[in-house]
Amino acid sequence: MYTIAICDDINKDAQYLASVVQSWAQEQKVSVNIEIFPSAESFLFHCEEKKDYDILLLDVEMKNISGIELAKQIRSMNHRVEIIFTTSHFELSGEGYEVDALHYLTKPVPEDRLNQVLDKAVRRLSIEPPSLVITCEEETLRLYEADILYAEAFLHYLSIHTVKKEYKIRENISSFEKRLGDDFFRVHRSYLVSLKHVTGISRTKVTLEGDVELPLARGKYDAINQAFIRRN
């Protein structure tokens, strides 16, 4: 399932893009959830609660907030999506590469060109690093496994520590562990660590980047050493 947002203040253009995306999805035999927004402001308002978009089709020349400015705000949230710009003026296609745009398409957008760019977006998404979606403070967020240092279980919630910040979610540590890949190891009933960020292992503790020390449960020493060696 790919969640695709179309942001264009010209409704007929947005509806046309949606129809092309839907036809492409049927031909490629993939599921899509298409959401249409009439302005950058409406998208940003919605994006405050939902940040799990895979592909964005943004009109460059929208009123108030342009597609370029919208893309910059999206990137400032560290939201990794494939961004495709549409524009009526080819000369504007040089703007916005600083936001790592996948492509510019000139209006009227040819169906075959959009299909090709969507194919490219899906290929790039397929090699994206592993991630998972969490709900934190009524927001839906995508976390990349490589950014997670460790998770700590409390009575009614789980605290996820990443390289940048901490997230608190209502999920038990066992179910969270099942959603992660082989780079994670349960060092203690209350702690789950990323082997990617381990810098030291002793009989009683594990040290992570940033000199974070976590307890290592009795009997786990050999197992974590073997897991660490296999990973490296």
Protein backbone atom coordinates (compact mmCIF):
# COMPACT_ATOMS: atom_id res chain seq x y z
CA MET A 1 0.00 0.00 0.00
CA TYR A 2 1.39 3.38 -1.06
CA THR A 3 -0.08 6.55 0.41
CA ILE A 4 0.10 9.30 -2.20
CA ALA A 5 -0.81 12.95 -1.63
CA ILE A 6 -1.65 15.35 -4.45
CA CYS A 7 -1.45 19.04 -3.55
CA ASP A 8 -2.71 21.39 -6.26
CA ASP A 9 -4.94 24.46 -6.05
CA ILE A 10 -6.42 23.73 -9.49
CA ASN A 11 -8.99 21.03 -8.88
CA LYS A 12 -9.15 19.69 -12.45
CA ASP A 13 -5.37 19.22 -12.47
CA ALA A 14 -5.50 17.39 -9.14
CA GLN A 15 -8.33 15.14 -10.31
CA TYR A 16 -6.46 14.34 -13.53
CA LEU A 17 -3.32 13.37 -11.60
CA ALA A 18 -5.39 11.21 -9.27
CA SER A 19 -6.95 9.36 -12.22
CA VAL A 20 -3.52 8.72 -13.76
CA VAL A 21 -2.15 7.47 -10.42
CA GLN A 22 -5.14 5.16 -10.02
CA SER A 23 -4.70 3.74 -13.54
CA TRP A 24 -0.99 3.25 -12.92
CA ALA A 25 -1.71 1.40 -9.66
CA GLN A 26 -4.18 -0.93 -11.38
CA GLU A 27 -1.68 -1.67 -14.15
CA GLN A 28 1.14 -2.30 -11.67
CA LYS A 29 -1.16 -4.31 -9.39
CA VAL A 30 -0.34 -2.22 -6.32
CA SER A 31 -2.67 -0.69 -3.74
CA VAL A 32 -2.73 3.08 -3.33
CA ASN A 33 -4.42 5.50 -0.97
CA ILE A 34 -4.75 8.83 -2.79
CA GLU A 35 -5.42 12.03 -0.84
CA ILE A 36 -6.03 15.38 -2.54
CA PHE A 37 -5.34 18.78 -0.95
CA PRO A 38 -6.33 22.17 -2.47
CA SER A 39 -3.50 24.10 -0.83
CA ALA A 40 -0.20 23.75 0.97
CA GLU A 41 -1.87 25.02 4.14
CA SER A 42 -4.47 22.24 4.10
CA PHE A 43 -1.78 19.63 3.56
CA LEU A 44 0.34 20.96 6.43
CA PHE A 45 -2.66 21.01 8.76
CA HIS A 46 -3.40 17.37 7.93
CA CYS A 47 0.30 16.43 8.05
CA GLU A 48 0.50 17.45 11.71
CA GLU A 49 -1.34 14.23 12.55
CA LYS A 50 -0.26 12.03 9.66
CA LYS A 51 3.30 11.80 8.42
CA ASP A 52 3.41 8.44 6.65
CA TYR A 53 3.10 9.57 3.01
CA ASP A 54 5.19 7.68 0.46
CA ILE A 55 4.85 9.93 -2.60
CA LEU A 56 3.90 13.61 -2.90
CA LEU A 57 2.77 15.29 -6.13
CA LEU A 58 3.16 19.03 -5.48
CA ASP A 59 2.16 21.90 -7.73
CA VAL A 60 4.98 24.45 -7.72
CA GLU A 61 2.82 27.54 -8.31
CA MET A 62 0.27 27.47 -5.50
CA LYS A 63 -0.94 30.64 -3.77
CA ASN A 64 0.52 31.75 -0.43
CA ILE A 65 2.79 28.75 0.10
CA SER A 66 4.35 27.36 -3.06
CA GLY A 67 5.11 23.71 -3.68
CA ILE A 68 8.81 24.47 -3.22
CA GLU A 69 8.25 26.05 0.20
CA LEU A 70 5.95 23.21 1.17
CA ALA A 71 8.63 20.67 0.24
CA LYS A 72 11.18 22.54 2.38
CA GLN A 73 8.86 22.37 5.38
CA ILE A 74 8.29 18.67 4.80
CA ARG A 75 12.02 18.01 4.63
CA SER A 76 12.56 20.03 7.82
CA MET A 77 10.41 17.43 9.57
CA ASN A 78 12.83 14.74 8.35
CA HIS A 79 9.95 13.17 6.52
CA ARG A 80 11.42 10.88 3.87
CA VAL A 81 9.05 10.78 0.92
CA GLU A 82 9.48 10.84 -2.84
CA ILE A 83 8.59 14.37 -4.02
CA ILE A 84 7.41 14.99 -7.57
CA PHE A 85 6.82 18.59 -8.66
CA THR A 86 4.37 19.65 -11.35
CA THR A 87 4.64 23.08 -12.96
CA SER A 88 3.18 25.11 -15.82
CA HIS A 89 6.50 26.90 -16.32
CA PHE A 90 9.48 24.81 -17.35
CA GLU A 91 11.91 27.54 -16.28
CA LEU A 92 10.96 26.88 -12.65
CA SER A 93 12.22 23.32 -12.84
CA GLY A 94 15.65 24.34 -11.56
CA GLU A 95 14.28 25.28 -8.14
CA GLY A 96 13.91 22.84 -5.32
CA TYR A 97 16.60 20.26 -5.94
CA GLU A 98 17.81 21.17 -2.46
CA VAL A 99 14.81 19.23 -1.17
CA ASP A 100 15.88 16.13 -3.09
CA ALA A 101 12.96 16.20 -5.51
CA LEU A 102 12.64 13.07 -7.59
CA HIS A 103 11.43 14.83 -10.75
CA TYR A 104 9.75 17.84 -12.33
CA LEU A 105 6.83 17.31 -14.70
CA THR A 106 5.56 20.12 -16.92
CA LYS A 107 1.79 20.62 -17.20
CA PRO A 108 -0.20 19.28 -18.88
CA VAL A 109 1.48 16.20 -17.45
CA PRO A 110 1.72 13.36 -20.01
CA GLU A 111 0.32 10.12 -18.60
CA ASP A 112 3.29 8.04 -19.79
CA ARG A 113 5.81 10.40 -18.16
CA LEU A 114 4.00 10.33 -14.82
CA ASN A 115 3.84 6.53 -15.02
CA GLN A 116 7.61 6.39 -15.55
CA VAL A 117 8.28 8.70 -12.60
CA LEU A 118 5.94 6.72 -10.36
CA ASP A 119 7.81 3.55 -11.35
CA LYS A 120 11.06 5.25 -10.35
CA ALA A 121 9.58 6.42 -7.03
CA VAL A 122 8.47 2.89 -6.17
CA ARG A 123 11.92 1.50 -7.02
CA ARG A 124 13.51 4.04 -4.68
CA LEU A 125 11.02 3.29 -1.94
CA SER A 126 11.72 -0.43 -2.25
CA ILE A 127 15.35 0.11 -1.27
CA GLU A 128 14.57 2.51 1.56
CA PRO A 129 16.02 1.45 4.91
CA PRO A 130 13.70 -0.57 7.18
CA SER A 131 11.18 1.51 9.08
CA LEU A 132 8.05 1.21 11.18
CA VAL A 133 5.09 3.44 11.92
CA ILE A 134 4.27 4.52 15.48
CA THR A 135 1.58 6.66 17.09
CA CYS A 136 2.98 9.22 19.51
CA GLU A 137 0.91 11.97 21.14
CA GLU A 138 -1.87 11.42 18.59
CA GLU A 139 0.58 11.76 15.69
CA THR A 140 1.44 9.04 13.21
CA LEU A 141 5.18 8.94 12.56
CA ARG A 142 7.57 6.80 10.57
CA LEU A 143 10.75 5.77 12.42
CA TYR A 144 13.75 4.34 10.64
CA GLU A 145 15.32 1.40 12.43
CA ALA A 146 18.81 2.80 11.90
CA ASP A 147 17.87 5.85 14.00
CA ILE A 148 16.72 3.84 17.04
CA LEU A 149 19.28 3.47 19.85
CA TYR A 150 17.16 1.51 22.30
CA ALA A 151 13.66 1.07 23.70
CA GLU A 152 12.81 1.06 27.40
CA ALA A 153 9.64 -0.48 28.84
CA PHE A 154 7.63 1.13 31.60
CA LEU A 155 4.38 0.06 33.22
CA HIS A 156 1.98 1.55 30.69
CA TYR A 157 4.18 2.75 27.85
CA LEU A 158 7.37 2.24 25.86
CA SER A 159 10.05 4.91 25.50
CA ILE A 160 11.91 4.82 22.18
CA HIS A 161 15.26 6.61 22.21
CA THR A 162 16.55 7.69 18.79
CA VAL A 163 19.63 9.61 17.71
CA LYS A 164 17.61 12.84 17.84
CA LYS A 165 14.78 12.53 20.34
CA GLU A 166 12.64 10.31 22.54
CA TYR A 167 9.17 9.01 21.68
CA LYS A 168 6.66 7.55 24.14
CA ILE A 169 4.10 5.10 22.80
CA ARG A 170 1.48 2.78 24.26
CA GLU A 171 2.85 -0.60 23.22
CA ASN A 172 4.53 -3.41 25.12
CA ILE A 173 8.15 -4.20 24.45
CA SER A 174 7.48 -7.73 23.18
CA SER A 175 5.11 -6.63 20.41
CA PHE A 176 7.48 -3.77 19.48
CA GLU A 177 10.39 -6.23 19.25
CA LYS A 178 8.44 -8.37 16.76
CA ARG A 179 8.10 -5.36 14.46
CA LEU A 180 11.86 -4.82 14.26
CA GLY A 181 14.59 -6.55 12.26
CA ASP A 182 17.57 -8.65 13.28
CA ASP A 183 19.65 -5.64 14.32
CA PHE A 184 17.85 -5.51 17.67
CA PHE A 185 18.53 -7.57 20.81
CA ARG A 186 16.56 -7.89 24.04
CA VAL A 187 19.24 -7.34 26.68
CA HIS A 188 16.83 -7.25 29.61
CA ARG A 189 13.10 -7.63 30.15
CA SER A 190 12.84 -3.84 30.06
CA TYR A 191 15.42 -2.98 27.39
CA LEU A 192 15.77 -3.59 23.68
CA VAL A 193 18.94 -2.29 22.00
CA SER A 194 20.14 -1.71 18.47
CA LEU A 195 23.31 -3.72 17.82
CA LYS A 196 24.21 -1.08 15.23
CA HIS A 197 24.80 1.41 18.07
CA VAL A 198 26.52 -0.91 20.56
CA THR A 199 30.07 0.15 21.44
CA GLY A 200 30.83 -2.22 24.30
CA ILE A 201 29.59 -5.40 26.01
CA SER A 202 30.47 -6.66 29.47
CA ARG A 203 29.01 -9.37 31.68
CA THR A 204 26.64 -6.93 33.36
CA LYS A 205 26.00 -4.09 30.94
CA VAL A 206 25.86 -2.93 27.33
CA THR A 207 27.28 0.43 26.27
CA LEU A 208 25.77 2.38 23.38
CA GLU A 209 26.90 5.43 21.45
CA GLY A 210 26.82 8.52 23.64
CA ASP A 211 28.09 6.50 26.63
CA VAL A 212 24.62 5.17 27.37
CA GLU A 213 24.87 2.15 29.70
CA LEU A 214 22.06 -0.40 30.01
CA PRO A 215 21.89 -3.52 32.19
CA LEU A 216 22.53 -6.91 30.61
CA ALA A 217 20.45 -9.68 32.13
CA ARG A 218 22.17 -12.75 33.58
CA GLY A 219 22.67 -15.42 30.93
CA LYS A 220 22.50 -12.99 27.98
CA TYR A 221 26.23 -12.34 27.58
CA ASP A 222 27.08 -15.16 25.15
CA ALA A 223 23.94 -14.64 23.09
CA ILE A 224 24.49 -10.91 22.56
CA ASN A 225 28.13 -11.46 21.68
CA GLN A 226 27.16 -13.99 19.04
CA ALA A 227 24.47 -11.68 17.66
CA PHE A 228 26.93 -8.79 17.58
CA ILE A 229 29.54 -10.86 15.73
CA ARG A 230 26.99 -12.13 13.20
CA ARG A 231 25.89 -8.60 12.47
CA ASN A 232 29.43 -7.34 11.97
